[in-house]
């Protein structure tokens, strides 16, 4: 059974059908949200390279803030001037002077944001709900009067009063916003909650919706997908999930889930995911966890003897998607848990006698020594061929 066949059986439970959901766009915010991660500051050259690689990878939109500093503004200008295929969004506050900065960068798209929760309005901005509506609508009208396309983010939407949220989204939509983004700014929602949030707004406006889910409780990917199921048509991500505090939904997890579970035909090059992850690890200085799904070094490591035996027979036994599909590598860990199949594979790689008797002796010896993990071997195509020969022999 192939990994495709095994996934199709799982979809009996996922209840996902090809025509059940609409298309979905991917917005990458590594150059905006990602640079808000503690300790992260990209150079202008790094920003340009990241933007170019994201565009080549195939994201639909890239977000960057030109109002942070002159360096960020110049980066924004250069990225826009590069003529990439992705839409470049200049991220600004709901202020005319911020929108002017975006205009000076020759932006065609901007992303305006304004808080909508009472806790933000009272303790962050110290304004009333009425003033929040006025500022938001004025910002949209000002941007549209200059010919800009815009997405409006209602910050802290997940803690806003539902009636006020619906009202301000309606006002923003009527003023001409092209998209509205619903962020779970504190990562406080469960997936059903994110679904309900999107549905609440979807019921009162037809404007296309985005979701921007923070990962404070580890639910960013699940919440992003729930928002998509509820009708959002664009998901915000960053490479490695980099962002404020603990970040937002990671690019790799979202695009692979959409492709492999939701059967969405994205235009992305999945085999670049590990390369993008490694690039951001190097440029940000933030180490990618070894257990990071899909792109972490442990994502395709197999250690237990029963797992190794199954992987040798058919990798789909323990792999959702082949490692090369996402640019990663399969690795076998040899040690006291390897079992006879792992031992036989090791003997064959070393060019030694790999009959069953010798394999069992080696496996038992490793267990007696309580040696833990001795070493790991990254499997090239040639070594994967050797693994298959072990299975043929046993």
Protein backbone atom coordinates (compact mmCIF):
# COMPACT_ATOMS: atom_id res chain seq x y z
CA UNK A 1 0.00 0.00 0.00
CA UNK A 2 1.36 3.43 -0.96
CA UNK A 3 1.28 6.56 1.20
CA UNK A 4 -1.48 7.90 -1.09
CA UNK A 5 -3.62 4.80 -0.53
CA UNK A 6 -3.09 4.93 3.24
CA UNK A 7 -4.03 8.64 3.31
CA UNK A 8 -7.21 7.94 1.36
CA UNK A 9 -8.31 5.52 4.08
CA UNK A 10 -7.60 8.13 6.76
CA UNK A 11 -9.84 10.54 4.88
CA UNK A 12 -12.78 8.33 5.80
CA UNK A 13 -12.33 9.91 9.22
CA UNK A 14 -11.13 13.32 8.04
CA UNK A 15 -14.29 13.54 5.93
CA UNK A 16 -12.48 15.64 3.34
CA UNK A 17 -13.57 15.61 -0.29
CA UNK A 18 -11.96 17.33 -3.24
CA UNK A 19 -14.93 19.62 -3.88
CA UNK A 20 -15.95 20.34 -0.28
CA UNK A 21 -13.81 23.46 0.19
CA UNK A 22 -12.74 26.34 -2.02
CA UNK A 23 -9.28 27.43 -3.07
CA UNK A 24 -6.85 28.73 -0.48
CA UNK A 25 -4.03 31.27 -0.68
CA UNK A 26 -0.83 31.35 1.37
CA UNK A 27 0.51 34.61 2.80
CA UNK A 28 3.98 34.45 4.29
CA UNK A 29 4.79 36.95 7.03
CA UNK A 30 8.37 35.90 7.83
CA UNK A 31 9.60 39.39 6.91
CA UNK A 32 7.04 41.07 9.21
CA UNK A 33 5.74 38.72 11.92
CA UNK A 34 8.90 36.63 11.77
CA UNK A 35 11.14 39.58 12.45
CA UNK A 36 9.12 40.29 15.59
CA UNK A 37 10.49 37.09 17.13
CA UNK A 38 12.82 37.76 20.06
CA UNK A 39 16.42 38.19 18.95
CA UNK A 40 15.66 38.25 15.22
CA UNK A 41 16.78 41.04 12.90
CA UNK A 42 17.37 40.38 9.21
CA UNK A 43 19.72 42.42 7.06
CA UNK A 44 18.43 44.05 3.90
CA UNK A 45 20.20 41.48 1.76
CA UNK A 46 18.69 38.65 3.80
CA UNK A 47 15.19 40.11 3.42
CA UNK A 48 15.62 40.29 -0.33
CA UNK A 49 16.85 36.69 -0.53
CA UNK A 50 14.03 35.43 1.70
CA UNK A 51 11.46 37.25 -0.44
CA UNK A 52 12.94 35.86 -3.65
CA UNK A 53 12.98 32.30 -2.30
CA UNK A 54 9.43 32.54 -0.98
CA UNK A 55 8.29 33.79 -4.37
CA UNK A 56 10.09 30.95 -6.13
CA UNK A 57 8.59 28.51 -3.62
CA UNK A 58 5.17 29.75 -4.68
CA UNK A 59 3.48 31.70 -1.87
CA UNK A 60 0.69 34.01 -3.01
CA UNK A 61 1.59 36.99 -0.86
CA UNK A 62 4.53 38.29 1.19
CA UNK A 63 4.15 40.78 4.03
CA UNK A 64 6.73 43.32 5.23
CA UNK A 65 6.47 46.46 7.36
CA UNK A 66 8.08 49.61 5.91
CA UNK A 67 7.32 51.76 8.97
CA UNK A 68 9.73 50.10 11.41
CA UNK A 69 12.89 51.86 10.28
CA UNK A 70 14.52 53.42 7.19
CA UNK A 71 16.20 50.06 6.63
CA UNK A 72 12.86 48.26 6.57
CA UNK A 73 11.39 50.89 4.27
CA UNK A 74 14.25 50.48 1.81
CA UNK A 75 13.88 46.69 1.99
CA UNK A 76 10.18 47.05 1.21
CA UNK A 77 10.94 49.32 -1.75
CA UNK A 78 13.48 46.92 -3.19
CA UNK A 79 11.27 43.86 -2.79
CA UNK A 80 8.38 45.65 -4.51
CA UNK A 81 10.71 46.84 -7.27
CA UNK A 82 11.97 43.27 -7.81
CA UNK A 83 8.75 42.45 -9.67
CA UNK A 84 8.01 39.18 -7.91
CA UNK A 85 4.96 37.11 -8.76
CA UNK A 86 3.63 37.21 -5.19
CA UNK A 87 1.66 40.20 -3.97
CA UNK A 88 3.81 42.32 -1.64
CA UNK A 89 1.84 43.80 1.26
CA UNK A 90 3.18 46.82 3.13
CA UNK A 91 2.04 46.36 6.73
CA UNK A 92 1.00 49.64 8.42
CA UNK A 93 -1.12 51.09 11.20
CA UNK A 94 -4.48 52.72 10.51
CA UNK A 95 -2.85 56.12 10.16
CA UNK A 96 -2.63 58.33 7.05
CA UNK A 97 1.08 58.95 7.65
CA UNK A 98 1.76 55.20 7.68
CA UNK A 99 -0.20 54.74 4.47
CA UNK A 100 1.89 57.52 2.93
CA UNK A 101 5.03 55.50 3.73
CA UNK A 102 3.55 52.54 1.86
CA UNK A 103 2.70 54.80 -1.08
CA UNK A 104 6.28 56.07 -1.11
CA UNK A 105 7.39 52.45 -1.47
CA UNK A 106 5.19 52.12 -4.59
CA UNK A 107 3.07 49.51 -2.83
CA UNK A 108 0.10 48.13 -4.71
CA UNK A 109 -1.19 46.23 -1.67
CA UNK A 110 -1.17 47.31 1.96
CA UNK A 111 -2.15 45.57 5.18
CA UNK A 112 -3.74 47.98 7.66
CA UNK A 113 -4.31 46.90 11.25
CA UNK A 114 -6.26 48.26 14.20
CA UNK A 115 -7.25 46.73 17.53
CA UNK A 116 -10.90 45.83 18.11
CA UNK A 117 -10.97 44.18 21.56
CA UNK A 118 -12.01 46.27 24.54
CA UNK A 119 -8.84 45.38 26.45
CA UNK A 120 -6.74 46.77 23.58
CA UNK A 121 -8.92 49.81 23.02
CA UNK A 122 -8.90 50.72 26.72
CA UNK A 123 -5.39 49.83 27.83
CA UNK A 124 -3.33 50.00 24.62
CA UNK A 125 -4.91 52.78 22.55
CA UNK A 126 -7.09 54.46 25.22
CA UNK A 127 -9.91 55.15 22.79
CA UNK A 128 -13.59 54.28 22.52
CA UNK A 129 -15.19 51.76 20.20
CA UNK A 130 -16.62 54.64 18.18
CA UNK A 131 -13.17 56.13 17.68
CA UNK A 132 -11.83 52.75 16.61
CA UNK A 133 -14.51 52.52 13.93
CA UNK A 134 -13.82 56.08 12.77
CA UNK A 135 -10.06 55.52 12.50
CA UNK A 136 -10.49 52.22 10.72
CA UNK A 137 -12.98 53.48 8.14
CA UNK A 138 -10.97 56.65 7.53
CA UNK A 139 -7.82 54.60 6.94
CA UNK A 140 -9.59 52.35 4.44
CA UNK A 141 -11.10 55.31 2.60
CA UNK A 142 -7.75 57.12 2.52
CA UNK A 143 -5.97 54.07 1.11
CA UNK A 144 -8.66 53.42 -1.49
CA UNK A 145 -8.60 57.07 -2.56
CA UNK A 146 -4.96 56.52 -3.53
CA UNK A 147 -5.75 53.44 -5.59
CA UNK A 148 -4.41 50.87 -3.13
CA UNK A 149 -5.72 47.37 -2.63
CA UNK A 150 -5.85 46.53 1.04
CA UNK A 151 -6.36 43.91 3.66
CA UNK A 152 -7.60 45.11 7.02
CA UNK A 153 -6.61 43.22 10.17
CA UNK A 154 -8.97 43.51 13.12
CA UNK A 155 -6.35 42.89 15.79
CA UNK A 156 -7.31 40.72 18.77
CA UNK A 157 -10.53 39.70 17.02
CA UNK A 158 -10.77 36.55 19.14
CA UNK A 159 -11.30 38.66 22.29
CA UNK A 160 -13.60 41.25 20.74
CA UNK A 161 -17.28 41.54 21.59
CA UNK A 162 -19.01 39.56 18.80
CA UNK A 163 -21.60 42.24 18.08
CA UNK A 164 -18.92 44.94 17.85
CA UNK A 165 -16.69 42.71 15.74
CA UNK A 166 -19.47 42.11 13.23
CA UNK A 167 -20.30 45.80 13.12
CA UNK A 168 -16.75 47.05 12.56
CA UNK A 169 -16.05 44.37 9.95
CA UNK A 170 -19.21 45.46 8.11
CA UNK A 171 -18.10 49.11 8.23
CA UNK A 172 -14.61 48.23 7.00
CA UNK A 173 -16.04 46.08 4.23
CA UNK A 174 -18.47 48.78 3.12
CA UNK A 175 -15.61 51.30 3.07
CA UNK A 176 -13.89 49.20 0.42
CA UNK A 177 -11.49 46.74 2.08
CA UNK A 178 -10.48 43.99 -0.35
CA UNK A 179 -9.82 41.45 2.39
CA UNK A 180 -10.29 41.27 6.17
CA UNK A 181 -7.95 39.30 8.41
CA UNK A 182 -9.18 37.65 11.60
CA UNK A 183 -6.28 37.08 13.98
CA UNK A 184 -6.25 34.97 17.11
CA UNK A 185 -3.72 37.38 18.56
CA UNK A 186 -3.18 35.54 21.84
CA UNK A 187 -3.59 32.00 20.51
CA UNK A 188 -6.52 31.64 22.88
CA UNK A 189 -8.97 29.80 20.62
CA UNK A 190 -9.46 26.09 20.13
CA UNK A 191 -10.12 24.93 16.52
CA UNK A 192 -13.89 25.00 16.99
CA UNK A 193 -13.54 28.53 18.34
CA UNK A 194 -11.59 29.66 15.27
CA UNK A 195 -14.21 28.05 13.07
CA UNK A 196 -16.94 29.95 14.92
CA UNK A 197 -15.01 33.23 14.70
CA UNK A 198 -14.73 33.00 10.93
CA UNK A 199 -18.36 31.92 10.57
CA UNK A 200 -19.50 34.84 12.74
CA UNK A 201 -17.92 37.35 10.37
CA UNK A 202 -18.65 35.35 7.22
CA UNK A 203 -22.37 35.54 8.04
CA UNK A 204 -22.41 39.36 7.79
CA UNK A 205 -19.96 40.17 4.97
CA UNK A 206 -18.89 38.69 1.64
CA UNK A 207 -15.39 40.20 1.73
CA UNK A 208 -12.70 37.48 1.47
CA UNK A 209 -11.27 36.53 4.86
CA UNK A 210 -7.78 35.71 6.13
CA UNK A 211 -6.79 33.91 9.32
CA UNK A 212 -3.67 34.73 11.35
CA UNK A 213 -3.29 32.27 14.23
CA UNK A 214 -0.76 32.58 17.03
CA UNK A 215 0.72 29.48 18.61
CA UNK A 216 0.64 30.22 22.34
CA UNK A 217 -1.10 26.91 23.08
CA UNK A 218 0.37 25.00 20.13
CA UNK A 219 -2.87 25.24 18.14
CA UNK A 220 -1.84 27.62 15.35
CA UNK A 221 -1.85 25.06 12.55
CA UNK A 222 -5.06 23.40 13.71
CA UNK A 223 -6.77 26.77 14.11
CA UNK A 224 -5.61 27.95 10.69
CA UNK A 225 -7.10 24.87 9.06
CA UNK A 226 -10.30 25.25 11.06
CA UNK A 227 -10.56 28.83 9.83
CA UNK A 228 -10.14 27.59 6.27
CA UNK A 229 -12.90 25.04 6.79
CA UNK A 230 -15.15 27.86 8.01
CA UNK A 231 -14.63 29.90 4.86
CA UNK A 232 -11.36 31.82 5.14
CA UNK A 233 -9.53 31.81 1.81
CA UNK A 234 -6.05 32.93 2.89
CA UNK A 235 -3.85 31.56 5.68
CA UNK A 236 -0.96 33.48 7.24
CA UNK A 237 2.24 31.56 7.95
CA UNK A 238 5.92 32.10 8.60
CA UNK A 239 8.87 29.86 7.89
CA UNK A 240 9.43 27.68 10.98
CA UNK A 241 6.47 29.45 12.62
CA UNK A 242 8.75 32.35 13.58
CA UNK A 243 7.02 35.33 15.19
CA UNK A 244 6.07 37.38 18.22
CA UNK A 245 6.35 35.35 21.45
CA UNK A 246 6.07 31.75 20.18
CA UNK A 247 5.04 32.64 16.64
CA UNK A 248 2.24 31.67 14.28
CA UNK A 249 1.38 28.74 12.04
CA UNK A 250 4.47 27.26 10.33
CA UNK A 251 4.62 27.32 6.53
CA UNK A 252 5.62 23.65 6.18
CA UNK A 253 2.85 22.21 8.34
CA UNK A 254 0.11 24.30 6.73
CA UNK A 255 1.00 23.70 3.09
CA UNK A 256 1.62 19.97 3.56
CA UNK A 257 -1.65 19.57 5.47
CA UNK A 258 -3.54 21.43 2.75
CA UNK A 259 -1.89 19.31 0.07
CA UNK A 260 -1.93 15.88 1.70
CA UNK A 261 -5.05 16.01 3.88
CA UNK A 262 -7.29 18.53 2.14
CA UNK A 263 -6.21 17.55 -1.40
CA UNK A 264 -5.62 21.18 -2.35
CA UNK A 265 -3.51 21.78 -5.44
CA UNK A 266 -1.22 24.58 -4.30
CA UNK A 267 1.38 26.03 -6.64
CA UNK A 268 4.15 25.60 -4.07
CA UNK A 269 7.36 23.58 -4.43
CA UNK A 270 7.18 21.32 -1.39
CA UNK A 271 10.71 20.05 -1.88
CA UNK A 272 12.02 23.51 -0.89
CA UNK A 273 10.56 23.36 2.62
CA UNK A 274 13.68 22.00 4.35
CA UNK A 275 15.89 24.46 2.46
CA UNK A 276 13.70 27.38 3.54
CA UNK A 277 13.71 26.14 7.12
CA UNK A 278 17.50 25.85 7.18
CA UNK A 279 17.88 29.32 5.64
CA UNK A 280 15.72 30.95 8.31
CA UNK A 281 17.48 29.02 11.06
CA UNK A 282 20.78 30.43 9.80
CA UNK A 283 19.58 34.01 9.28
CA UNK A 284 17.47 34.27 12.43
CA UNK A 285 19.78 32.46 14.80
CA UNK A 286 16.73 30.61 16.14
CA UNK A 287 17.47 26.90 16.21
CA UNK A 288 14.85 24.70 14.58
CA UNK A 289 13.67 22.09 17.11
CA UNK A 290 14.86 18.61 16.17
CA UNK A 291 11.28 17.38 16.56
CA UNK A 292 9.85 20.05 14.22
CA UNK A 293 7.30 18.35 11.95
CA UNK A 294 8.46 17.70 8.38
CA UNK A 295 11.62 19.86 8.45
CA UNK A 296 13.22 18.91 11.79
CA UNK A 297 16.13 16.47 11.78
CA UNK A 298 14.03 13.95 13.77
CA UNK A 299 11.04 14.13 11.42
CA UNK A 300 12.20 11.09 9.44
CA UNK A 301 14.39 9.29 11.98
CA UNK A 302 13.41 5.70 12.75
CA UNK A 303 14.74 3.95 15.84
CA UNK A 304 12.54 1.12 17.17
CA UNK A 305 13.21 -2.27 15.62
CA UNK A 306 9.58 -2.82 14.65
CA UNK A 307 9.51 0.58 12.97
CA UNK A 308 12.73 -0.09 11.08
CA UNK A 309 11.39 -3.43 9.90
CA UNK A 310 8.22 -1.76 8.62
CA UNK A 311 10.09 1.11 6.97
CA UNK A 312 12.30 -1.36 5.13
CA UNK A 313 9.20 -3.09 3.78
CA UNK A 314 7.21 0.05 3.02
CA UNK A 315 8.05 3.59 4.21
CA UNK A 316 4.33 4.49 4.17
CA UNK A 317 4.01 2.39 7.33
CA UNK A 318 5.44 5.27 9.39
CA UNK A 319 5.70 8.23 7.02
CA UNK A 320 2.82 10.45 5.95
CA UNK A 321 4.82 11.86 3.06
CA UNK A 322 8.21 10.74 1.68
CA UNK A 323 11.09 12.82 3.09
CA UNK A 324 12.32 13.91 -0.33
CA UNK A 325 8.90 15.43 -1.02
CA UNK A 326 9.70 18.12 1.57
CA UNK A 327 13.47 18.17 0.97
CA UNK A 328 14.34 16.13 4.07
CA UNK A 329 16.20 12.82 4.46
CA UNK A 330 15.30 9.49 6.03
CA UNK A 331 17.63 8.39 8.84
CA UNK A 332 17.99 5.10 10.70
CA UNK A 333 19.26 5.08 14.29
CA UNK A 334 21.29 2.04 15.28
CA UNK A 335 21.50 0.94 18.89
CA UNK A 336 19.89 -1.27 21.49
CA UNK A 337 16.38 -0.79 20.02
CA UNK A 338 17.33 -1.67 16.44
CA UNK A 339 16.08 -5.25 16.44
CA UNK A 340 17.15 -7.95 14.01
CA UNK A 341 16.08 -6.06 10.87
CA UNK A 342 18.03 -2.98 11.89
CA UNK A 343 21.00 -5.17 12.75
CA UNK A 344 20.77 -6.98 9.41
CA UNK A 345 20.68 -3.68 7.57
CA UNK A 346 23.74 -2.46 9.48
CA UNK A 347 25.64 -5.65 8.68
CA UNK A 348 24.81 -5.33 5.00
CA UNK A 349 25.88 -1.66 4.87
CA UNK A 350 29.20 -2.67 6.45
CA UNK A 351 29.65 -5.40 3.87
CA UNK A 352 29.43 -8.19 6.44
CA UNK A 353 27.45 -11.42 6.54
CA UNK A 354 23.83 -10.40 7.05
CA UNK A 355 22.06 -13.72 7.51
CA UNK A 356 19.35 -14.01 10.12
CA UNK A 357 21.54 -15.78 12.67
CA UNK A 358 24.20 -13.06 12.63
CA UNK A 359 21.59 -10.32 12.71
CA UNK A 360 19.93 -11.82 15.80
CA UNK A 361 23.31 -12.14 17.55
CA UNK A 362 24.15 -8.51 16.86
CA UNK A 363 20.73 -7.31 18.01
CA UNK A 364 20.98 -9.30 21.25
CA UNK A 365 24.51 -8.05 21.86
CA UNK A 366 23.42 -4.44 21.50
CA UNK A 367 20.64 -5.01 24.03
CA UNK A 368 23.00 -6.65 26.54
CA UNK A 369 25.41 -3.73 26.33
CA UNK A 370 22.64 -1.19 27.04
CA UNK A 371 24.50 1.06 24.63
CA UNK A 372 21.66 3.45 23.84
CA UNK A 373 21.95 5.03 20.41
CA UNK A 374 25.26 4.17 18.76
CA UNK A 375 24.94 6.26 15.61
CA UNK A 376 22.53 7.25 12.86
CA UNK A 377 22.76 6.79 9.13
CA UNK A 378 21.23 9.11 6.56
CA UNK A 379 19.80 7.01 3.77
CA UNK A 380 20.84 7.83 0.24
CA UNK A 381 18.98 6.18 -2.65
CA UNK A 382 21.75 3.58 -2.78
CA UNK A 383 21.41 2.74 0.92
CA UNK A 384 17.63 2.56 0.62
CA UNK A 385 18.24 -0.04 -2.06
CA UNK A 386 20.37 -2.00 0.39
CA UNK A 387 17.51 -1.89 2.90
CA UNK A 388 15.20 -3.48 0.36
CA UNK A 389 17.73 -6.25 -0.20
CA UNK A 390 17.63 -7.00 3.52
CA UNK A 391 13.85 -7.42 3.32
CA UNK A 392 14.16 -9.64 0.26
CA UNK A 393 16.61 -11.84 2.16
CA UNK A 394 14.48 -12.17 5.30
